[in-house]
Protein backbone atom coordinates (compact mmCIF):
# COMPACT_ATOMS: atom_id res chain seq x y z
CA MET A 1 0.30 0.20 -0.24
CA THR A 2 1.54 2.98 -0.53
CA VAL A 3 1.83 6.19 1.48
CA ARG A 4 -1.10 8.34 -0.56
CA ARG A 5 -3.63 5.79 -0.33
CA ARG A 6 -2.76 4.66 3.56
CA ASP A 7 -2.78 8.72 3.66
CA ARG A 8 -6.60 8.40 2.08
CA ILE A 9 -7.90 5.62 4.12
CA VAL A 10 -6.84 7.34 7.77
CA GLU A 11 -8.01 10.12 6.72
CA ALA A 12 -11.58 8.79 5.25
CA LEU A 13 -11.83 6.84 8.16
CA GLY A 14 -10.88 9.65 10.97
CA LEU A 15 -8.42 8.34 12.01
CA ARG A 16 -6.89 11.21 14.21
CA ARG A 17 -4.01 10.37 17.26
CA SER A 18 -6.58 10.77 19.84
CA MET A 19 -9.11 8.60 18.15
CA VAL A 20 -6.47 5.66 17.66
CA GLY A 21 -5.95 5.97 21.43
CA MET A 22 -9.72 5.84 22.10
CA LEU A 23 -10.37 2.86 20.03
CA SER A 24 -7.50 0.88 21.53
CA MET A 25 -8.89 2.03 24.67
CA ALA A 26 -12.70 0.51 23.59
CA VAL A 27 -10.89 -2.59 22.30
CA LEU A 28 -8.59 -4.07 25.53
CA VAL A 29 -10.79 -2.88 28.27
CA GLY A 30 -13.45 -4.24 26.11
CA MET A 31 -11.87 -7.34 25.98
CA GLY A 32 -11.34 -7.80 29.46
CA GLU A 33 -14.81 -6.96 30.83
CA ARG A 34 -16.53 -9.31 28.21
CA MET A 35 -13.92 -12.22 29.27
CA ALA A 36 -14.82 -12.17 32.93
CA GLU A 37 -18.58 -10.26 32.99
CA ARG A 38 -20.08 -12.78 30.86
CA PHE A 39 -19.48 -15.77 33.34
CA LEU A 40 -20.13 -14.01 36.62
CA PRO A 41 -23.43 -15.79 37.33
CA ILE A 42 -21.68 -19.11 37.04
CA TYR A 43 -18.79 -17.62 39.28
CA LEU A 44 -20.84 -16.35 41.99
CA ILE A 45 -23.30 -19.94 42.29
CA ALA A 46 -19.82 -21.48 43.06
CA LEU A 47 -18.86 -19.35 45.25
CA GLY A 48 -21.84 -20.43 47.35
CA SER A 49 -24.02 -17.04 46.04
CA SER A 50 -27.93 -18.18 46.27
CA MET A 51 -29.45 -17.80 42.55
CA PHE A 52 -31.15 -14.68 43.45
CA TRP A 53 -27.37 -12.84 43.15
CA PRO A 54 -27.11 -13.47 39.67
CA GLY A 55 -30.57 -11.99 38.68
CA LEU A 56 -29.38 -9.40 41.08
CA LEU A 57 -26.08 -8.43 39.52
CA ASN A 58 -28.06 -8.12 36.04
CA GLY A 59 -30.27 -5.35 36.97
CA LEU A 60 -27.30 -3.62 39.11
CA ASN A 61 -25.72 -3.51 35.80
CA ASP A 62 -28.89 -1.76 34.24
CA VAL A 63 -29.46 1.09 37.08
CA LEU A 64 -25.64 1.76 37.11
CA GLY A 65 -25.59 2.30 33.49
CA ALA A 66 -28.10 4.71 33.58
CA LEU A 67 -27.14 6.58 37.14
CA TYR A 68 -23.40 6.65 36.36
CA ALA A 69 -24.18 7.99 32.44
CA PHE A 70 -24.56 12.06 33.41
CA PRO A 71 -21.38 11.88 36.62
CA GLY A 72 -19.70 10.07 33.94
CA GLY A 73 -19.86 13.34 31.21
CA TRP A 74 -20.01 15.61 33.79
CA LEU A 75 -16.39 14.58 34.67
CA ALA A 76 -15.62 14.48 31.34
CA ASP A 77 -16.97 18.23 30.89
CA ARG A 78 -15.29 19.51 33.81
CA ILE A 79 -11.50 17.88 34.06
CA GLY A 80 -11.40 17.02 30.63
CA VAL A 81 -11.54 13.62 28.56
CA LYS A 82 -8.44 12.16 29.04
CA ARG A 83 -7.85 12.49 32.79
CA SER A 84 -11.44 10.98 33.13
CA LEU A 85 -10.92 8.25 30.97
CA LEU A 86 -7.36 7.73 33.39
CA VAL A 87 -9.93 7.88 36.63
CA PHE A 88 -12.71 5.72 34.87
CA ASN A 89 -10.19 2.81 33.65
CA LEU A 90 -8.24 2.98 37.63
CA LEU A 91 -12.06 2.29 38.40
CA ALA A 92 -12.01 -0.63 36.02
CA ILE A 93 -8.99 -1.95 37.19
CA ALA A 94 -9.83 -1.76 41.10
CA GLY A 95 -13.14 -3.54 40.92
CA PHE A 96 -11.11 -6.64 38.69
CA ALA A 97 -8.47 -6.67 41.40
CA LEU A 98 -11.16 -6.73 44.58
CA VAL A 99 -12.49 -10.23 42.75
CA VAL A 100 -8.50 -11.93 41.88
CA ALA A 101 -7.71 -10.79 45.14
CA ILE A 102 -10.90 -11.85 47.49
CA PRO A 103 -12.59 -15.05 45.87
CA ASN A 104 -15.75 -14.45 47.55
CA TRP A 105 -19.33 -14.16 46.29
CA ARG A 106 -19.90 -10.11 47.99
CA ALA A 107 -16.12 -8.80 46.63
CA VAL A 108 -17.78 -9.74 43.25
CA VAL A 109 -20.84 -7.24 44.56
CA LEU A 110 -18.64 -4.77 45.78
CA GLY A 111 -16.45 -4.90 42.67
CA SER A 112 -19.27 -4.91 40.01
CA PHE A 113 -19.78 -0.94 41.44
CA LEU A 114 -16.12 -0.07 40.03
CA PHE A 115 -16.45 -2.28 36.88
CA LEU A 116 -19.92 -3.27 35.54
CA SER A 117 -20.64 0.13 34.26
CA TRP A 118 -17.12 0.67 32.95
CA SER A 119 -18.84 1.63 29.50
CA ALA A 120 -21.51 3.51 30.77
CA ILE A 121 -19.54 5.75 32.49
CA SER A 122 -17.24 6.49 30.04
CA LEU A 123 -19.39 6.49 26.71
CA PRO A 124 -20.38 10.30 27.21
CA GLY A 125 -16.58 11.58 27.63
CA THR A 126 -15.73 9.12 24.38
CA MET A 127 -18.65 10.60 22.78
CA GLY A 128 -17.05 13.84 23.71
CA LEU A 129 -13.62 13.24 22.27
CA VAL A 130 -15.10 12.45 18.71
CA SER A 131 -16.80 15.48 19.06
CA LYS A 132 -13.53 17.75 19.67
CA SER A 133 -11.28 15.04 17.88
CA LEU A 134 -13.09 15.39 14.42
CA PRO A 135 -14.73 17.80 12.23
CA LYS A 136 -18.57 18.16 11.88
CA GLN A 137 -18.69 16.23 8.47
CA LYS A 138 -16.96 13.09 10.07
CA HIS A 139 -18.60 12.78 13.40
CA VAL A 140 -20.67 9.88 12.72
CA MET A 141 -17.82 7.60 11.26
CA GLY A 142 -16.17 8.48 14.44
CA VAL A 143 -19.12 7.30 15.92
CA SER A 144 -19.53 4.22 13.65
CA LEU A 145 -15.92 3.17 14.08
CA HIS A 146 -16.36 2.99 18.03
CA SER A 147 -19.47 1.00 17.77
CA LEU A 148 -17.30 -1.22 15.32
CA VAL A 149 -14.78 -2.07 17.53
CA ARG A 150 -16.12 -2.39 20.27
CA ARG A 151 -18.17 -5.70 18.41
CA VAL A 152 -14.73 -7.40 18.86
CA PRO A 153 -14.60 -7.58 22.46
CA MET A 154 -18.12 -8.58 22.56
CA ALA A 155 -17.69 -10.93 19.81
CA LEU A 156 -13.69 -12.51 21.35
CA GLY A 157 -13.70 -11.79 24.71
CA PRO A 158 -16.76 -14.55 25.58
CA VAL A 159 -14.98 -17.13 23.53
CA ILE A 160 -11.60 -16.37 25.70
CA GLY A 161 -13.08 -16.52 29.02
CA GLY A 162 -14.81 -19.56 28.05
CA ILE A 163 -11.19 -21.16 27.28
CA PHE A 164 -10.02 -20.14 30.76
CA ILE A 165 -12.86 -21.85 32.60
CA ASP A 166 -12.95 -24.76 30.55
CA ALA A 167 -9.46 -25.39 31.51
CA TYR A 168 -9.12 -24.75 35.44
CA GLY A 169 -12.72 -24.50 36.41
CA PRO A 170 -15.23 -21.90 37.18
CA VAL A 171 -13.36 -20.24 40.46
CA THR A 172 -10.04 -20.32 39.52
CA GLY A 173 -10.83 -19.44 35.55
CA VAL A 174 -12.93 -16.30 35.72
CA ARG A 175 -10.16 -15.29 38.62
CA LEU A 176 -7.25 -15.86 35.69
CA ALA A 177 -9.70 -13.92 32.97
CA PHE A 178 -9.80 -10.85 35.94
CA ALA A 179 -6.20 -11.03 36.50
CA ALA A 180 -6.00 -10.78 32.24
CA ALA A 181 -8.59 -7.91 32.28
CA ILE A 182 -6.04 -5.65 34.63
CA VAL A 183 -3.22 -6.63 32.28
CA MET A 184 -5.14 -4.90 29.46
CA ALA A 185 -6.65 -2.47 31.09
CA PHE A 186 -3.13 -1.12 32.05
CA VAL A 187 -1.88 -1.30 28.68
CA ALA A 188 -5.51 0.80 27.40
CA LEU A 189 -4.32 3.34 29.94
CA VAL A 190 -0.92 3.36 29.03
CA MET A 191 -1.87 4.04 25.30
CA GLN A 192 -4.49 6.04 25.91
CA GLN A 193 -2.30 8.47 28.09
CA ILE A 194 0.26 8.52 25.68
CA LEU A 195 -1.85 9.14 22.22
CA ILE A 196 -5.21 10.94 23.65
CA GLU A 197 -4.01 14.86 23.68
CA GLU A 198 -5.11 16.97 26.34
CA ASP A 199 -8.10 19.29 26.39
CA LYS A 200 -7.05 22.53 25.31
CA LYS A 201 -9.89 23.74 27.77
CA PRO A 202 -11.65 22.06 30.47
CA ALA A 203 -14.87 23.63 31.67
CA ALA A 204 -15.12 25.81 34.43
CA PRO A 205 -17.16 24.04 37.25
CA ARG A 206 -19.68 27.39 37.11
CA GLU A 207 -20.00 26.21 33.81
CA ILE A 208 -21.17 23.09 33.94
CA GLU A 209 -24.72 22.44 35.12
CA LYS A 210 -23.90 19.46 38.19
CA ASN A 211 -28.25 19.24 38.15
CA PRO A 212 -29.42 16.44 35.07
CA LEU A 213 -32.94 17.79 35.19
CA ARG A 214 -32.00 21.14 34.63
CA MET A 215 -29.80 20.33 31.81
CA LEU A 216 -33.11 18.49 30.22
CA ARG A 217 -34.98 21.46 30.76
CA GLY A 218 -32.30 22.84 28.49
CA PHE A 219 -31.80 20.63 25.70
CA SER A 220 -33.00 22.28 22.35
CA PRO A 221 -36.83 21.28 21.26
CA GLU A 222 -34.82 19.30 18.72
CA LEU A 223 -33.21 17.09 20.87
CA LYS A 224 -35.79 17.19 23.64
CA ASN A 225 -37.90 15.47 20.52
CA LEU A 226 -34.76 12.98 19.65
CA LEU A 227 -35.86 11.68 23.61
CA VAL A 228 -39.36 11.01 23.46
CA SER A 229 -38.93 9.27 20.32
CA ASP A 230 -35.76 7.04 21.63
CA VAL A 231 -37.72 6.50 24.60
CA LEU A 232 -40.49 4.71 22.88
CA ILE A 233 -37.68 2.93 20.49
CA ARG A 234 -36.33 1.35 23.35
CA PHE A 235 -39.41 0.41 24.84
CA CYS A 236 -39.97 -1.83 21.83
CA GLU A 237 -36.70 -2.77 22.46
CA GLN A 238 -36.51 -3.77 25.98
CA ILE A 239 -40.02 -5.05 26.23
CA PRO A 240 -39.58 -8.27 24.32
CA TYR A 241 -35.52 -8.41 24.85
CA ALA A 242 -35.05 -11.21 27.54
CA TYR A 243 -37.85 -13.92 25.79
CA VAL A 244 -36.31 -13.51 22.26
CA VAL A 245 -34.47 -16.36 23.02
CA VAL A 246 -37.78 -17.87 24.81
CA TRP A 247 -39.75 -17.52 21.50
CA CYS A 248 -37.16 -18.67 19.19
CA MET A 249 -36.32 -22.27 21.35
CA LYS A 250 -39.40 -23.00 23.04
CA ASP A 251 -42.97 -21.07 21.49
CA ILE A 252 -42.93 -21.33 17.42
CA ALA A 253 -44.90 -24.74 16.92
CA GLY A 254 -43.29 -27.14 15.45
CA ALA A 255 -39.86 -24.75 14.56
CA ARG A 256 -38.44 -24.62 17.84
CA ILE A 257 -34.49 -24.67 17.49
CA SER A 258 -31.24 -25.59 19.33
CA ALA A 259 -29.24 -23.34 21.40
CA THR A 260 -26.35 -23.50 18.76
CA ARG A 261 -28.73 -22.29 15.68
CA PHE A 262 -29.87 -19.05 18.29
CA GLY A 263 -26.11 -18.53 17.76
CA VAL A 264 -25.88 -18.58 14.44
CA LEU A 265 -28.76 -15.82 14.83
CA THR A 266 -27.17 -13.99 16.85
CA SER A 267 -23.79 -14.21 14.80
CA VAL A 268 -26.19 -13.34 11.95
CA GLU A 269 -27.38 -10.03 13.51
CA MET A 270 -23.77 -9.21 14.48
CA ALA A 271 -22.55 -9.72 11.08
CA THR A 272 -25.72 -7.36 10.06
CA ALA A 273 -24.48 -4.56 12.20
CA VAL A 274 -21.14 -4.62 11.21
CA LEU A 275 -21.55 -3.95 7.65
CA CYS A 276 -23.79 -1.49 8.01
CA TYR A 277 -21.61 0.85 10.00
CA LEU A 278 -18.95 2.35 7.89
CA PRO A 279 -21.23 2.63 4.51
CA VAL A 280 -23.74 4.34 6.02
CA ALA A 281 -21.18 6.48 8.02
CA ARG A 282 -19.63 7.97 4.73
CA LEU A 283 -23.58 8.34 3.37
CA ALA A 284 -24.82 9.82 6.94
CA ASP A 285 -21.65 12.17 6.75
CA ARG A 286 -22.12 14.30 3.69
CA GLY A 287 -25.73 15.28 4.06
CA ALA A 288 -28.76 15.14 6.15
CA LYS A 289 -28.97 12.63 9.23
CA LYS A 290 -32.31 12.51 10.19
CA PRO A 291 -33.36 9.96 7.83
CA PHE A 292 -30.72 7.35 8.80
CA VAL A 293 -32.07 7.48 12.65
CA LEU A 294 -35.36 6.85 11.25
CA VAL A 295 -34.96 3.75 8.96
CA THR A 296 -33.13 2.90 12.14
CA PHE A 297 -36.38 3.72 14.17
CA VAL A 298 -38.75 1.29 11.30
CA ASN A 299 -36.64 -1.68 11.75
CA PHE A 300 -36.59 -1.44 15.84
CA ALA A 301 -40.30 -1.28 15.23
CA LEU A 302 -40.52 -4.07 12.82
CA PHE A 303 -38.62 -6.60 14.31
CA PRO A 304 -40.93 -7.74 17.23
CA LEU A 305 -43.56 -8.06 14.40
CA VAL A 306 -41.81 -10.08 11.78
CA LEU A 307 -40.39 -12.19 15.04
CA LEU A 308 -44.40 -12.77 15.77
CA PHE A 309 -45.03 -14.34 12.48
CA CYS A 310 -41.63 -16.53 12.14
CA ARG A 311 -42.89 -19.94 12.09
CA SER A 312 -39.63 -21.45 10.25
CA TYR A 313 -35.39 -21.10 10.91
CA HIS A 314 -35.45 -19.55 7.60
CA ALA A 315 -38.03 -16.97 8.44
CA LEU A 316 -35.82 -16.52 11.55
CA PHE A 317 -32.89 -16.16 10.02
CA ILE A 318 -34.27 -13.13 8.10
CA ALA A 319 -35.90 -11.36 11.43
CA PHE A 320 -32.47 -11.39 12.66
CA VAL A 321 -30.87 -9.75 9.27
CA LEU A 322 -33.60 -7.12 10.32
CA ARG A 323 -32.57 -6.72 14.00
CA GLY A 324 -28.76 -6.11 12.62
CA LEU A 325 -30.23 -3.32 10.83
CA LYS A 326 -31.27 -1.46 13.55
CA GLU A 327 -27.44 -0.50 14.05
CA PHE A 328 -28.19 1.03 10.65
CA GLY A 329 -28.25 4.57 11.56
CA GLU A 330 -27.52 4.19 15.86
CA PRO A 331 -24.31 5.71 15.22
CA THR A 332 -25.75 8.42 13.57
CA ARG A 333 -27.88 8.52 16.41
CA LYS A 334 -25.65 9.32 18.62
CA ALA A 335 -23.65 11.61 16.45
CA LEU A 336 -26.96 13.38 16.19
CA ILE A 337 -27.01 13.88 19.95
CA MET A 338 -23.42 15.61 20.06
CA GLU A 339 -24.53 17.89 17.47
CA LEU A 340 -27.47 18.89 19.02
CA ALA A 341 -25.94 19.40 22.61
CA PRO A 342 -24.52 22.64 23.60
CA ALA A 343 -20.97 23.29 22.56
CA ASP A 344 -19.37 24.13 26.21
CA ARG A 345 -21.08 20.48 28.07
CA LYS A 346 -21.52 17.61 24.89
CA ALA A 347 -20.08 14.84 27.20
CA ALA A 348 -22.32 16.09 30.38
CA ALA A 349 -25.64 16.35 27.86
CA PHE A 350 -24.87 12.96 26.12
CA GLY A 351 -24.68 11.77 29.69
CA ALA A 352 -27.96 13.62 31.01
CA TYR A 353 -29.33 12.20 27.48
CA TYR A 354 -28.54 8.97 28.78
CA LEU A 355 -29.87 9.34 31.89
CA CYS A 356 -32.97 10.31 31.36
CA ARG A 357 -33.50 7.38 29.12
CA ASP A 358 -32.34 4.39 30.17
CA THR A 359 -33.95 5.38 33.59
CA VAL A 360 -37.62 5.19 32.30
CA ILE A 361 -36.74 2.36 29.90
CA SER A 362 -36.02 0.42 32.90
CA LEU A 363 -39.71 -0.01 33.51
CA ALA A 364 -40.01 -1.71 29.98
CA ALA A 365 -38.51 -5.30 31.67
CA PHE A 366 -41.37 -5.38 34.55
CA GLY A 367 -43.83 -4.78 32.11
CA GLY A 368 -42.43 -7.11 28.98
CA ALA A 369 -42.39 -9.80 31.67
CA TYR A 370 -46.19 -9.09 32.73
CA LEU A 371 -47.39 -8.94 29.23
CA TRP A 372 -45.44 -12.43 28.33
CA THR A 373 -47.28 -14.12 31.01
CA ILE A 374 -50.90 -13.37 29.52
CA SER A 375 -49.54 -13.74 26.25
CA PRO A 376 -46.16 -13.62 24.28
CA ALA A 377 -48.46 -12.28 21.21
CA LEU A 378 -49.64 -9.63 23.22
CA ASN A 379 -46.06 -8.71 24.28
CA LEU A 380 -44.65 -8.40 20.53
CA LEU A 381 -47.19 -6.53 19.46
CA THR A 382 -47.45 -3.73 22.20
CA ALA A 383 -43.54 -3.86 21.48
CA SER A 384 -44.25 -3.56 17.78
CA ALA A 385 -46.78 -0.36 18.60
CA PHE A 386 -44.31 1.27 20.91
CA GLY A 387 -41.92 1.31 17.67
CA ILE A 388 -43.83 2.96 15.53
CA ALA A 389 -45.40 5.54 17.83
CA GLY A 390 -41.02 6.27 18.24
CA ALA A 391 -41.16 6.37 14.57
CA ILE A 392 -44.40 8.21 13.79
CA TRP A 393 -42.90 10.97 16.66
CA PHE A 394 -39.31 11.42 14.76
CA LEU A 395 -40.86 11.63 11.46
CA VAL A 396 -43.04 14.32 12.40
CA PHE A 397 -41.23 16.79 15.10
CA GLY A 398 -37.70 15.22 14.68
CA ARG A 399 -35.40 17.84 12.72
CA ASP A 400 -31.71 17.20 11.70
CA ASP A 401 -28.41 19.50 12.73
CA SER A 402 -29.16 21.40 9.68
CA ALA A 403 -32.40 22.04 10.06
């Protein structure tokens, strides 16, 4: 590859120095997180916890993901993205170390407050870094690259963690996985401190709103309408989320599939999402973002409806391609949040947005469970209705930042 062609590729992908540091961090810390975190239920039970704690840990992850978003964004705006990512990595390392040092299920619960929501607390700062490091016409590409590289640890982490567990048993295997996570997090920490550039002028404390509710009230009408439509769409996603595997493996009359086949469907979903990212990013960065976000919302709404009428494995294959297409404009949506957010507090605004959205949609899981006990069809139809409402709301009230 010639130097000129390499430079063109680097420029097209927006691979600035700070971006390379951020992407390296996403892969390395994410790999350690996924190697160990996926097997925590097995680890807890092996250490003698009751069956109650694995479920509580899953709920805790959702709650912390919502609660950590705004503080993570506020800190990134206050002390700068580079320093905030250093803090977040050190917190994750402390959580990993606690689990390695103390083989007790209580240590896992305590450590989880430090490492479970690393992705949530670092995401606003990461999005702020994309906004600051790249020109406006490269924002969607930057967010898309972040979404793409995050899929690497999602795919490989559980496989490597499973190898540790198969070789050394659930207790020693998970502790070794956490030890490997510490090493990778330290490497990521060094790389991000070398590669990510310092913020030129972090905001003064008085310039950043500390109350997320006040910040929400200060959102522009365009950002508020995006938030409303996004909440409706996430209700569509979360109402049937835990029951998709049940529907595929238990409830489809005459077409129940094996766990391996369901794994294949999940891989199809992931591959479809990955194939969308870069082409869509190039198109979205060249013009209006609203059409790409709208297509994504429509795909969210259609999935539960298509799933309801699947009666064969081949039909499910098509449904999971559609499920992968819900990522069609997801990076575009995140880039649109950043562009509609106030210029001097983008990370904090992103965190407030996710705090509001994820807190509200946490109710969807409970409602979904109730609906499923009445009828799986009612669950899926209700989910689709929320999705259609979200898509219509965005169609009517949503605005592109260029509007």
